[in-house]
Amino acid sequence: MIKFFADIHKYKNYIAYAARAELKSEVANSFLNWVWWVLEPLCFMAIYALVFSFFFKSKIENLTAFIFLGITMWEFFNKMLKSCVKLVRGNKAIVSKVYVPKYILVLVKLFVNLFKTAISFIIVALLMIIHKVPLSWNILWFIPICISFVLFTFGLSLVVMHFGVYIEDMANVLNIVLRLWFYATGIFYNLADKLTGAVGYWLVRLNPAATYISGARDALLYARCPNLMWLGIWTVVSLLITLAGITLIRKNENSYVKVI
């Protein structure tokens, strides 16, 4: 880990430059530029809110904020994994000509997606004001939830990037897994209400995305303390996954060029 943090310090200028360049390139030929980073999740929220409030008669309190917060966190997780599965192959020119620790490439993606997510969280705050959500000290739990969630996403992205170098069909498999994971996370409904009993309890708790998203909703929207035991468990698991991902990459990154 010492070398990992030393590499971050050494390549911090590259990370900042690459992240800015990628953000600019995404909107370079777009008429609305960065506005799309706001419009896209807003449109998804509007569609789901319409479907579940008018057609399915959902009684969830603060429904639009509930859905938008779930979409925001899920999209960060979803885009990170999908963008990292072919990250080494997509940066073949850099990988084959200049030495850069490969987890630096994941860090660039992390900062790009964190920037977009931060914009969406501002909209979440505005929705909370519109819904007149009461504030409490429990809102502070949102900070450790986000830190743990980012760590989990980063660690899993490292592992996905590593195996994506060697497995050609990894992207297709990941798309299927993420689609199933999406519906098992309760983005637009309360998962705890849909899954009852012991089976439902364990399915919710053993789904880290559901743990993080439901915890964030409890802290921000319902003035409740999240499940600290499971938040702690998944934080430890996230650290282990991150350590495993860093170790995998450091041991095998010299062979990536031969494979691609």
Protein backbone atom coordinates (compact mmCIF):
# COMPACT_ATOMS: atom_id res chain seq x y z
CA MET A 1 0.00 0.00 0.00
CA ILE A 2 2.95 2.34 0.61
CA LYS A 3 3.94 2.03 -3.07
CA PHE A 4 0.32 2.56 -4.08
CA PHE A 5 0.10 5.91 -2.28
CA ALA A 6 3.57 6.85 -3.50
CA ASP A 7 2.42 6.23 -7.08
CA ILE A 8 -0.67 8.38 -6.53
CA HIS A 9 1.54 11.24 -5.37
CA LYS A 10 3.98 10.70 -8.25
CA TYR A 11 1.28 10.61 -10.94
CA LYS A 12 -1.16 13.11 -9.40
CA ASN A 13 -0.60 15.62 -12.20
CA TYR A 14 -1.24 12.96 -14.83
CA ILE A 15 -4.44 11.85 -13.04
CA ALA A 16 -5.74 15.43 -12.89
CA TYR A 17 -4.84 16.18 -16.53
CA ALA A 18 -6.27 12.90 -17.87
CA ALA A 19 -9.51 13.30 -15.90
CA ARG A 20 -10.02 16.87 -17.16
CA ALA A 21 -9.22 15.83 -20.73
CA GLU A 22 -11.75 12.98 -20.61
CA LEU A 23 -14.47 15.21 -19.19
CA LYS A 24 -13.87 17.81 -21.91
CA SER A 25 -13.81 15.19 -24.68
CA GLU A 26 -17.18 13.77 -23.58
CA VAL A 27 -18.96 17.07 -24.27
CA ALA A 28 -16.72 18.51 -26.98
CA ASN A 29 -19.19 17.92 -29.83
CA SER A 30 -22.38 18.17 -27.78
CA PHE A 31 -24.74 21.11 -28.17
CA LEU A 32 -25.74 21.06 -24.48
CA ASN A 33 -22.23 20.23 -23.23
CA TRP A 34 -22.12 19.34 -19.52
CA VAL A 35 -25.88 19.84 -19.15
CA TRP A 36 -26.28 16.23 -20.32
CA TRP A 37 -24.64 15.08 -17.08
CA VAL A 38 -27.68 16.56 -15.33
CA LEU A 39 -30.36 15.80 -17.92
CA GLU A 40 -29.62 12.09 -18.26
CA PRO A 41 -30.22 11.07 -14.62
CA LEU A 42 -33.11 13.56 -14.37
CA CYS A 43 -34.84 11.92 -17.34
CA PHE A 44 -34.40 8.45 -15.83
CA MET A 45 -35.79 9.72 -12.52
CA ALA A 46 -38.79 11.32 -14.23
CA ILE A 47 -39.59 8.13 -16.15
CA TYR A 48 -39.35 5.87 -13.09
CA ALA A 49 -41.23 8.34 -10.89
CA LEU A 50 -44.03 8.52 -13.48
CA VAL A 51 -44.25 4.76 -13.86
CA PHE A 52 -44.16 3.91 -10.16
CA SER A 53 -46.27 6.79 -8.84
CA PHE A 54 -49.04 6.82 -11.45
CA PHE A 55 -49.13 3.27 -12.82
CA PHE A 56 -47.97 1.21 -9.84
CA LYS A 57 -49.33 3.66 -7.22
CA SER A 58 -46.14 3.60 -5.18
CA LYS A 59 -46.57 5.01 -1.66
CA ILE A 60 -42.84 5.57 -1.02
CA GLU A 61 -42.23 8.80 0.86
CA ASN A 62 -40.18 11.41 -1.04
CA LEU A 63 -40.39 9.24 -4.16
CA THR A 64 -38.47 11.41 -6.63
CA ALA A 65 -35.57 11.96 -4.21
CA PHE A 66 -35.71 8.24 -3.31
CA ILE A 67 -35.37 7.23 -6.97
CA PHE A 68 -32.84 9.89 -7.94
CA LEU A 69 -30.51 9.04 -5.05
CA GLY A 70 -30.64 5.36 -6.00
CA ILE A 71 -30.01 6.09 -9.68
CA THR A 72 -27.12 8.41 -8.86
CA MET A 73 -25.30 5.87 -6.71
CA TRP A 74 -26.04 2.97 -9.05
CA GLU A 75 -24.87 4.84 -12.16
CA PHE A 76 -21.57 5.67 -10.49
CA PHE A 77 -21.06 1.98 -9.66
CA ASN A 78 -22.34 0.75 -13.03
CA LYS A 79 -20.28 3.15 -15.16
CA MET A 80 -17.10 2.50 -13.19
CA LEU A 81 -17.25 -1.25 -13.71
CA LYS A 82 -18.27 -1.06 -17.37
CA SER A 83 -15.59 1.50 -18.22
CA CYS A 84 -12.84 -0.47 -16.46
CA VAL A 85 -13.47 -3.90 -17.97
CA LYS A 86 -11.69 -2.92 -21.21
CA LEU A 87 -9.60 -0.12 -19.77
CA VAL A 88 -6.20 -1.63 -20.53
CA ARG A 89 -7.13 -2.50 -24.11
CA GLY A 90 -8.66 0.94 -24.60
CA ASN A 91 -5.40 2.57 -23.47
CA LYS A 92 -3.13 0.33 -25.53
CA ALA A 93 -1.11 3.28 -26.82
CA ILE A 94 -0.26 4.38 -23.28
CA VAL A 95 0.23 0.89 -21.88
CA SER A 96 2.57 -0.24 -24.65
CA LYS A 97 4.72 2.90 -24.87
CA VAL A 98 4.88 4.54 -21.46
CA TYR A 99 4.98 2.93 -18.04
CA VAL A 100 2.09 4.01 -15.86
CA PRO A 101 0.90 1.84 -12.96
CA LYS A 102 -2.30 0.39 -14.31
CA TYR A 103 -4.36 1.24 -11.25
CA ILE A 104 -3.67 4.89 -12.12
CA LEU A 105 -5.94 4.37 -15.15
CA VAL A 106 -8.72 3.27 -12.80
CA LEU A 107 -8.13 6.31 -10.61
CA VAL A 108 -8.62 8.57 -13.64
CA LYS A 109 -12.00 6.94 -14.29
CA LEU A 110 -12.83 7.23 -10.61
CA PHE A 111 -12.31 10.99 -10.56
CA VAL A 112 -14.24 11.46 -13.81
CA ASN A 113 -17.26 9.61 -12.45
CA LEU A 114 -16.99 11.22 -9.02
CA PHE A 115 -17.23 14.64 -10.65
CA LYS A 116 -20.43 13.67 -12.48
CA THR A 117 -21.85 12.07 -9.35
CA ALA A 118 -21.16 15.22 -7.33
CA ILE A 119 -23.37 17.18 -9.76
CA SER A 120 -26.17 14.65 -9.26
CA PHE A 121 -25.83 14.88 -5.47
CA ILE A 122 -26.47 18.62 -5.76
CA ILE A 123 -29.77 17.75 -7.46
CA VAL A 124 -30.52 15.28 -4.63
CA ALA A 125 -30.06 18.16 -2.16
CA LEU A 126 -32.47 20.33 -4.18
CA LEU A 127 -35.05 17.53 -4.22
CA MET A 128 -34.70 17.20 -0.46
CA ILE A 129 -35.50 20.91 -0.14
CA ILE A 130 -38.50 20.55 -2.47
CA HIS A 131 -39.82 17.58 -0.46
CA LYS A 132 -39.09 19.47 2.80
CA VAL A 133 -37.10 16.55 4.14
CA PRO A 134 -36.34 17.15 7.83
CA LEU A 135 -32.64 17.22 8.69
CA SER A 136 -31.05 15.39 11.61
CA TRP A 137 -27.58 14.45 12.81
CA ASN A 138 -28.03 11.12 11.02
CA ILE A 139 -27.32 12.93 7.76
CA LEU A 140 -23.63 12.84 8.72
CA TRP A 141 -23.64 9.06 8.20
CA PHE A 142 -23.85 9.80 4.49
CA ILE A 143 -20.13 10.68 4.50
CA PRO A 144 -18.78 7.30 5.72
CA ILE A 145 -21.35 5.54 3.53
CA CYS A 146 -20.00 7.35 0.44
CA ILE A 147 -16.37 6.69 1.40
CA SER A 148 -17.04 2.98 1.86
CA PHE A 149 -19.10 2.82 -1.36
CA VAL A 150 -16.35 4.52 -3.39
CA LEU A 151 -13.77 2.15 -1.89
CA PHE A 152 -15.90 -0.88 -2.76
CA THR A 153 -16.43 0.38 -6.31
CA PHE A 154 -12.74 1.17 -6.78
CA GLY A 155 -11.63 -2.23 -5.50
CA LEU A 156 -14.10 -4.12 -7.69
CA SER A 157 -13.09 -1.98 -10.69
CA LEU A 158 -9.45 -3.01 -10.18
CA VAL A 159 -10.39 -6.69 -10.18
CA VAL A 160 -12.65 -6.26 -13.23
CA MET A 161 -9.91 -4.42 -15.13
CA HIS A 162 -7.39 -7.18 -14.42
CA PHE A 163 -9.58 -10.05 -15.58
CA GLY A 164 -10.87 -8.00 -18.51
CA VAL A 165 -7.35 -8.15 -19.98
CA TYR A 166 -7.41 -11.94 -20.16
CA ILE A 167 -11.09 -12.77 -20.72
CA GLU A 168 -12.48 -11.52 -24.02
CA ASP A 169 -16.11 -12.07 -23.02
CA MET A 170 -15.74 -10.35 -19.67
CA ALA A 171 -17.66 -7.25 -20.84
CA ASN A 172 -20.64 -9.34 -21.97
CA VAL A 173 -20.71 -11.33 -18.76
CA LEU A 174 -20.44 -8.14 -16.72
CA ASN A 175 -23.40 -6.56 -18.56
CA ILE A 176 -25.60 -9.54 -17.63
CA VAL A 177 -24.43 -9.56 -14.02
CA LEU A 178 -24.98 -5.82 -13.63
CA ARG A 179 -28.46 -6.01 -15.15
CA LEU A 180 -29.45 -8.68 -12.63
CA TRP A 181 -27.72 -6.75 -9.83
CA PHE A 182 -29.65 -3.60 -10.77
CA TYR A 183 -33.05 -5.24 -10.24
CA ALA A 184 -31.84 -6.94 -7.05
CA THR A 185 -30.78 -3.62 -5.51
CA GLY A 186 -34.10 -1.78 -5.28
CA ILE A 187 -33.29 1.35 -7.24
CA PHE A 188 -36.91 2.37 -7.70
CA TYR A 189 -38.61 0.43 -4.91
CA ASN A 190 -37.95 -0.42 -1.29
CA LEU A 191 -36.22 -3.79 -1.37
CA ALA A 192 -37.01 -4.52 2.28
CA ASP A 193 -40.75 -4.28 1.51
CA LYS A 194 -40.49 -6.68 -1.42
CA LEU A 195 -38.35 -9.34 0.27
CA THR A 196 -39.59 -10.47 3.66
CA GLY A 197 -38.54 -13.23 6.02
CA ALA A 198 -35.09 -14.72 6.59
CA VAL A 199 -34.36 -15.19 2.87
CA GLY A 200 -35.23 -11.58 2.11
CA TYR A 201 -33.19 -10.33 5.06
CA TRP A 202 -30.03 -12.10 3.93
CA LEU A 203 -30.49 -11.24 0.26
CA VAL A 204 -30.65 -7.56 1.15
CA ARG A 205 -27.71 -7.67 3.57
CA LEU A 206 -25.48 -9.73 1.25
CA ASN A 207 -26.00 -7.24 -1.57
CA PRO A 208 -23.45 -4.46 -0.94
CA ALA A 209 -25.06 -2.08 -3.43
CA ALA A 210 -28.40 -2.44 -1.61
CA THR A 211 -26.68 -1.89 1.75
CA TYR A 212 -25.02 1.33 0.59
CA ILE A 213 -28.04 2.75 -1.22
CA SER A 214 -30.54 1.93 1.52
CA GLY A 215 -28.11 3.34 4.10
CA ALA A 216 -27.78 6.58 2.14
CA ARG A 217 -31.56 6.87 1.87
CA ASP A 218 -31.96 6.29 5.60
CA ALA A 219 -29.38 8.97 6.42
CA LEU A 220 -30.52 11.62 3.94
CA LEU A 221 -34.24 11.12 3.44
CA TYR A 222 -35.63 9.49 6.56
CA ALA A 223 -33.41 10.79 9.41
CA ARG A 224 -32.51 7.24 10.40
CA CYS A 225 -29.21 5.69 11.37
CA PRO A 226 -28.08 3.14 8.74
CA ASN A 227 -27.26 -0.45 9.64
CA LEU A 228 -23.80 0.18 11.08
CA MET A 229 -22.90 -3.48 11.48
CA TRP A 230 -23.34 -4.25 7.80
CA LEU A 231 -21.78 -0.95 6.78
CA GLY A 232 -18.72 -1.96 8.80
CA ILE A 233 -18.68 -5.46 7.31
CA TRP A 234 -18.79 -4.18 3.75
CA THR A 235 -16.15 -1.55 4.50
CA VAL A 236 -13.76 -4.29 5.64
CA VAL A 237 -14.66 -6.38 2.57
CA SER A 238 -14.05 -3.33 0.37
CA LEU A 239 -10.57 -2.87 1.85
CA LEU A 240 -9.77 -6.54 1.20
CA ILE A 241 -11.05 -6.36 -2.39
CA THR A 242 -9.01 -3.19 -3.00
CA LEU A 243 -5.85 -4.80 -1.59
CA ALA A 244 -6.47 -7.89 -3.72
CA GLY A 245 -7.00 -5.76 -6.85
CA ILE A 246 -3.83 -3.72 -6.27
CA THR A 247 -1.83 -6.92 -5.66
CA LEU A 248 -3.21 -8.59 -8.79
CA ILE A 249 -2.33 -5.61 -10.96
CA ARG A 250 1.14 -5.08 -9.54
CA LYS A 251 2.04 -8.75 -10.05
CA ASN A 252 0.65 -9.03 -13.56
CA GLU A 253 0.76 -5.58 -15.19
CA ASN A 254 4.00 -6.33 -17.05
CA SER A 255 2.25 -9.16 -18.90
CA TYR A 256 -0.69 -7.02 -20.04
CA VAL A 257 1.18 -5.71 -23.07
CA LYS A 258 1.86 -9.26 -24.27
CA VAL A 259 -1.80 -10.20 -24.00
CA ILE A 260 -3.28 -7.15 -25.76
